[in-house]
Protein backbone atom coordinates (compact mmCIF):
# COMPACT_ATOMS: atom_id res chain seq x y z
CA MET A 1 -3.61 -2.46 12.67
CA GLY A 2 -2.90 -1.80 9.15
CA ALA A 3 -4.82 1.27 7.88
CA GLY A 4 -6.82 0.17 5.42
CA GLY A 5 -7.60 -2.89 7.27
CA LEU A 6 -8.74 -0.52 10.02
CA GLN A 7 -11.18 0.73 7.43
CA ALA A 8 -12.09 -2.86 6.08
CA LEU A 9 -12.83 -3.08 9.86
CA VAL A 10 -15.47 -0.20 10.48
CA LYS A 11 -17.28 -0.78 6.94
CA GLY A 12 -17.74 -4.75 8.67
CA GLY A 13 -20.07 -3.39 12.14
CA LEU A 14 -16.86 -2.52 14.30
CA ASP A 15 -17.86 0.38 15.82
CA PRO A 16 -15.41 3.57 15.94
CA ARG A 17 -17.03 6.33 18.04
CA GLY A 18 -15.71 8.37 20.62
CA LYS A 19 -12.33 6.73 19.67
CA ARG A 20 -9.16 8.71 19.49
CA ILE A 21 -7.38 7.19 16.63
CA VAL A 22 -4.50 8.10 15.27
CA LEU A 23 -3.21 7.20 10.89
CA ALA A 24 -0.06 7.00 9.89
CA GLY A 25 2.22 6.06 6.98
CA SER A 26 2.09 7.77 3.90
CA GLY A 27 -0.05 7.81 0.64
CA PRO A 28 -3.63 9.43 -0.40
CA LEU A 29 -5.21 6.28 2.03
CA LEU A 30 -4.24 7.73 4.90
CA LEU A 31 -6.40 10.42 4.11
CA ALA A 32 -9.14 8.23 3.00
CA VAL A 33 -9.42 6.50 6.27
CA ALA A 34 -9.27 9.31 8.38
CA ALA A 35 -12.14 10.83 6.21
CA GLY A 36 -14.35 7.72 6.56
CA LEU A 37 -13.77 6.96 9.87
CA ALA A 38 -14.24 10.97 11.10
CA SER A 39 -17.79 10.67 9.19
CA VAL A 40 -19.15 7.84 11.49
CA GLY A 41 -18.38 9.22 15.16
CA ALA A 42 -14.64 8.83 15.28
CA VAL A 43 -12.27 11.20 16.70
CA VAL A 44 -9.50 11.42 14.64
CA ALA A 45 -6.46 12.11 16.73
CA GLY A 46 -4.07 13.40 14.14
CA ILE A 47 -2.47 12.16 10.81
CA TYR A 48 1.18 12.15 10.64
CA GLU A 49 2.17 11.40 6.90
CA GLN A 50 6.34 10.73 6.34
CA ALA A 51 6.62 12.53 3.26
CA PRO A 52 8.22 15.59 3.36
CA ILE A 53 6.26 18.95 2.86
CA SER A 54 8.18 19.28 -0.45
CA LYS A 55 7.77 16.65 -2.32
CA LEU A 56 3.94 16.98 -1.56
CA ALA A 57 3.60 20.92 -2.89
CA GLY A 58 5.26 19.29 -5.39
CA PHE A 59 2.79 16.56 -6.10
CA ALA A 60 -0.03 19.14 -5.34
CA LEU A 61 0.60 20.89 -8.06
CA THR A 62 -0.26 18.39 -10.47
CA LEU A 63 -3.52 18.11 -9.00
CA LEU A 64 -4.30 20.91 -10.69
CA ALA A 65 -3.88 18.87 -13.56
CA HIS A 66 -6.81 16.54 -12.55
CA PRO A 67 -9.97 17.92 -11.81
CA ALA A 68 -11.89 14.73 -9.91
CA LYS A 69 -9.33 14.18 -8.28
CA LEU A 70 -8.28 17.76 -7.04
CA VAL A 71 -12.22 17.42 -5.49
CA GLU A 72 -11.85 14.37 -4.19
CA GLY A 73 -9.11 15.39 -2.20
CA GLY A 74 -11.04 18.57 -0.82
CA ARG A 75 -14.25 16.04 0.35
CA TYR A 76 -11.58 14.65 2.60
CA TRP A 77 -9.86 17.70 4.01
CA LEU A 78 -13.41 18.91 4.79
CA LYS A 79 -14.58 16.13 6.67
CA THR A 80 -10.60 16.28 8.66
CA MET A 81 -9.75 19.89 8.77
CA HIS A 82 -10.24 19.66 12.73
CA ALA A 83 -7.59 16.83 12.87
CA PRO A 84 -4.15 17.85 13.20
CA TYR A 85 -2.00 16.88 10.43
CA ARG A 86 1.51 17.30 10.43
CA THR A 87 4.25 15.85 7.29
CA GLY A 88 7.39 14.86 7.93
CA THR A 89 6.38 12.78 10.89
CA TRP A 90 6.65 8.95 11.18
CA ILE A 91 5.65 6.73 14.27
CA VAL A 92 8.40 5.65 16.64
CA HIS A 93 6.80 2.66 18.61
CA ALA A 94 3.58 2.39 19.89
CA GLU A 95 3.06 1.58 23.86
CA GLY A 96 -0.21 0.77 26.40
CA ARG A 97 -0.95 -2.13 28.98
CA GLY A 98 -3.04 -4.83 26.55
CA ARG A 99 -3.88 -2.52 23.85
CA VAL A 100 -2.92 0.91 22.31
CA GLU A 101 -2.45 3.74 24.47
CA ARG A 102 -0.24 6.16 23.38
CA VAL A 103 2.20 6.62 20.70
CA THR A 104 5.75 8.08 20.21
CA LEU A 105 6.70 10.75 16.71
CA ARG A 106 8.89 11.40 15.37
CA ASP A 107 10.01 14.50 12.77
CA GLY A 108 13.12 14.45 12.52
CA ARG A 109 14.47 17.31 14.76
CA LYS A 110 11.81 15.89 17.75
CA THR A 111 9.96 13.50 19.38
CA TRP A 112 6.93 13.38 20.97
CA GLY A 113 3.57 11.50 22.40
CA VAL A 114 0.17 11.26 21.14
CA GLU A 115 -2.42 9.20 23.53
CA CYS A 116 -4.88 7.17 21.37
CA ASP A 117 -6.88 4.09 21.57
CA TRP A 118 -6.81 3.07 18.31
CA LEU A 119 -3.77 3.22 15.45
CA GLY A 120 -3.68 2.69 11.88
CA CYS A 121 -0.47 2.67 9.92
CA GLY A 122 -0.25 2.57 6.10
CA PHE A 123 2.91 3.18 3.93
CA HIS A 124 1.19 3.12 0.77
CA ILE A 125 0.24 0.19 -1.60
CA VAL A 126 2.17 -2.67 -3.13
CA PRO A 127 0.17 -4.06 -6.33
CA ASN A 128 0.10 -8.58 -5.93
CA LEU A 129 2.03 -9.51 -8.16
CA GLU A 130 1.79 -13.16 -7.40
CA LEU A 131 -0.03 -13.96 -10.74
CA PRO A 132 1.94 -11.87 -13.22
CA ARG A 133 5.37 -13.40 -11.85
CA LEU A 134 3.79 -17.15 -11.77
CA LEU A 135 3.51 -16.36 -15.54
CA GLY A 136 6.28 -15.17 -16.41
CA CYS A 137 5.58 -11.86 -16.98
CA ARG A 138 8.90 -8.92 -16.81
CA THR A 139 8.49 -6.73 -14.17
CA VAL A 140 10.58 -3.70 -13.63
CA ALA A 141 10.08 -1.51 -10.02
CA GLY A 142 7.66 -3.19 -8.50
CA TYR A 143 5.26 -3.05 -11.45
CA VAL A 144 4.02 -5.08 -14.50
CA GLU A 145 6.17 -3.77 -17.91
CA VAL A 146 3.80 -3.43 -20.28
CA ASP A 147 3.74 -2.03 -23.93
CA ARG A 148 1.37 0.59 -24.67
CA LEU A 149 -1.95 -1.62 -25.49
CA GLN A 150 -1.17 -3.06 -22.12
CA ASN A 151 0.42 -6.83 -23.10
CA THR A 152 3.07 -7.78 -21.16
CA SER A 153 6.54 -9.65 -22.08
CA VAL A 154 4.11 -13.00 -22.42
CA ALA A 155 2.51 -13.39 -26.07
CA ARG A 156 -1.48 -13.26 -24.66
CA VAL A 157 -1.20 -11.77 -21.35
CA ALA A 158 -2.11 -8.65 -21.02
CA CYS A 159 -1.95 -6.22 -17.46
CA VAL A 160 -3.92 -3.96 -16.29
CA GLY A 161 -4.77 -1.86 -12.74
CA GLU A 162 -2.07 -1.53 -10.14
CA LEU A 163 -0.45 -4.77 -11.31
CA THR A 164 1.12 -1.17 -13.69
CA GLY A 165 1.17 1.60 -11.04
CA ILE A 166 -0.47 2.53 -8.20
CA GLY A 167 -2.63 5.59 -9.96
CA GLY A 168 -6.39 4.58 -9.19
CA LEU A 169 -9.58 3.92 -10.61
CA GLU A 170 -9.78 5.89 -12.80
CA LYS A 171 -6.03 4.85 -14.92
CA ALA A 172 -7.52 0.91 -14.00
CA LEU A 173 -10.44 1.75 -16.22
CA VAL A 174 -9.09 3.45 -19.54
CA GLU A 175 -6.51 0.55 -19.29
CA GLY A 176 -9.31 -2.16 -19.26
CA GLN A 177 -10.80 -0.60 -22.28
CA ILE A 178 -7.06 -0.58 -23.96
CA ALA A 179 -6.49 -4.54 -23.54
CA GLY A 180 -10.48 -5.13 -24.12
CA LEU A 181 -10.24 -3.37 -27.18
CA SER A 182 -6.36 -4.82 -28.18
CA ALA A 183 -7.74 -8.23 -26.91
CA ALA A 184 -11.32 -7.73 -29.48
CA GLY A 185 -8.98 -6.81 -32.67
CA ARG A 186 -9.96 -3.33 -32.21
CA GLU A 187 -6.34 -2.03 -32.40
CA ARG A 188 -7.32 1.50 -33.47
CA ASP A 189 -10.06 2.26 -30.57
CA ALA A 190 -7.43 1.30 -28.21
CA LEU A 191 -4.68 3.47 -29.55
CA ARG A 192 -6.72 6.39 -29.31
CA LEU A 193 -7.27 6.25 -25.51
CA VAL A 194 -3.72 5.55 -25.12
CA PRO A 195 -3.08 9.16 -24.90
CA GLN A 196 -5.14 9.33 -21.93
CA ARG A 197 -3.90 6.60 -20.54
CA GLN A 198 -0.35 8.14 -20.55
CA ARG A 199 -1.83 11.03 -18.44
CA LEU A 200 -2.71 8.81 -15.87
CA GLN A 201 0.10 7.06 -15.81
CA GLN A 202 1.93 10.19 -15.51
CA PHE A 203 0.00 10.75 -12.44
CA ALA A 204 1.01 7.33 -10.53
CA HIS A 205 4.24 8.05 -11.26
CA ARG A 206 4.34 11.66 -9.18
CA LEU A 207 2.32 9.77 -6.90
CA ASP A 208 5.14 7.51 -6.50
CA ARG A 209 7.52 9.80 -5.88
CA ALA A 210 5.88 11.67 -3.77
CA PHE A 211 4.70 9.10 -0.99
CA ALA A 212 8.29 7.21 -1.68
CA LEU A 213 9.22 6.15 1.73
CA ARG A 214 12.47 7.90 3.29
CA SER A 215 15.38 6.17 4.56
CA GLU A 216 14.81 6.76 8.19
CA LEU A 217 12.11 4.25 8.59
CA ARG A 218 15.06 1.26 8.06
CA THR A 219 16.04 2.37 11.02
CA LEU A 220 13.29 1.98 13.51
CA ALA A 221 13.16 -2.19 14.03
CA GLN A 222 14.35 -3.14 16.90
CA ALA A 223 16.09 -6.57 17.79
CA ASN A 224 12.91 -8.11 19.09
CA THR A 225 10.46 -6.12 16.03
CA VAL A 226 8.39 -9.29 14.90
CA VAL A 227 8.63 -8.41 10.58
CA CYS A 228 7.09 -12.51 9.78
CA ARG A 229 4.09 -11.86 11.78
CA CYS A 230 2.89 -15.49 10.94
CA GLU A 231 6.25 -17.55 12.53
CA ASP A 232 7.18 -14.48 14.71
CA VAL A 233 10.31 -13.88 13.32
CA THR A 234 11.94 -11.17 14.37
CA HIS A 235 14.34 -8.65 12.77
CA SER A 236 17.09 -10.00 14.44
CA ALA A 237 16.98 -13.41 13.59
CA LEU A 238 16.85 -11.69 9.73
CA GLN A 239 19.67 -9.44 10.07
CA GLY A 240 21.74 -12.82 9.74
CA CYS A 241 20.52 -13.93 6.61
CA ALA A 242 21.48 -12.36 2.84
CA SER A 243 18.68 -13.30 0.99
CA TRP A 244 14.70 -14.18 0.70
CA ARG A 245 15.49 -17.78 -0.09
CA GLN A 246 17.83 -17.77 2.86
CA ALA A 247 15.75 -15.98 5.67
CA LYS A 248 12.71 -18.68 4.69
CA LEU A 249 15.16 -21.87 4.85
CA HIS A 250 16.74 -20.53 8.27
CA THR A 251 13.42 -19.08 10.35
CA ARG A 252 10.51 -19.46 8.42
CA CYS A 253 9.96 -15.98 7.29
CA GLY A 254 7.09 -15.56 4.87
CA MET A 255 6.24 -19.94 5.66
CA GLY A 256 2.90 -18.91 7.50
CA ALA A 257 -0.68 -18.57 6.37
CA CYS A 258 0.19 -14.69 4.47
CA GLN A 259 2.73 -16.52 2.22
CA GLY A 260 5.38 -13.46 2.58
CA ARG A 261 2.40 -11.21 1.19
CA VAL A 262 2.80 -8.86 4.46
CA CYS A 263 6.48 -9.65 5.48
CA GLY A 264 7.96 -9.95 1.87
CA SER A 265 7.03 -6.44 0.60
CA ALA A 266 9.03 -5.13 4.56
CA THR A 267 12.06 -7.18 3.69
CA GLU A 268 12.20 -6.47 0.44
CA PHE A 269 12.13 -2.55 2.60
CA LEU A 270 14.17 -3.19 5.21
CA PHE A 271 16.96 -5.46 4.03
CA ASP A 272 16.80 -4.87 0.18
CA TRP A 273 15.34 -8.74 -0.77
CA GLU A 274 13.50 -9.17 -3.93
CA ASN A 275 11.03 -12.35 -3.95
CA GLN A 276 10.55 -13.79 -6.73
CA ASN A 277 9.03 -16.58 -4.95
CA THR A 278 5.74 -17.80 -6.43
CA ARG A 279 3.57 -21.03 -6.83
CA PRO A 280 0.28 -22.01 -6.88
CA PRO A 281 -2.43 -21.96 -5.58
CA ILE A 282 -2.33 -17.91 -5.60
CA PHE A 283 -4.89 -18.49 -3.09
CA PRO A 284 -5.43 -21.29 -0.82
CA ALA A 285 -9.25 -23.14 -1.79
CA ALA A 286 -11.25 -23.84 0.47
CA VAL A 287 -12.77 -27.09 1.44
CA SER A 288 -16.30 -26.53 1.36
CA THR A 289 -15.16 -25.25 -2.59
CA LEU A 290 -13.80 -28.66 -3.48
CA ALA A 291 -16.71 -30.88 -1.66
CA ILE A 292 -19.36 -29.31 -4.03
CA LYS A 293 -20.68 -31.95 -6.35
CA PRO A 294 -20.84 -30.89 -9.89
């Protein structure tokens, strides 16, 4: 399961008590999920971060300038201190009869196995750019480009939060205040918050660099690896395609229920394709909503 999806299921009532759970991938979310699972009785069998220790050490030093995030990280560490934590390590494959029973890990030098009941994988966080792209907002390096008052390239459209960089709640709140004050005609008040926003944006940039996905992950997919789960499109079926559009036309990749929200990011990493195809509705409306009488 996705690490975030597993966390949501547990919050929704899934009982993890006594389950041996491996968490793997990249990003601070792994520690947050591990801490949450450990606090409700799960056995965290291991946390495996693909980023090397050299990058994580450099990122850890930047936390000294962000005491609140340092304290938050410390809380996660205390809850997961008994679980194995390895950097520069990634999942090669999972196996089992009818369910996950064992995962194989690699650190670039050796390969070994770990027995588990559940596997949660998460490779950092990807912003949902569908709405700003539909509006015509310019994007750069995977994020919406904004000026110092959070204005996009489209007049009277502002963006805040994860759309402008993955930096956490604090960054989103400051950006929201800047955009709100600017929209209300209080630009002078908005500009006073710009230095604080810049400091938080720098943290977001360092976060991206520290947890950038390593090139070895591109070679993990085998011919029968399912890339598009909605339409059961395998890696081998996509290898002959030259672009995201061609993949959709020839294999139906990205044309299922999720509309490319999962496989779009995967193919961008695996094949360096850019998915710019966005069309309304962003999210389908429920029939019950349409049937409501005014």
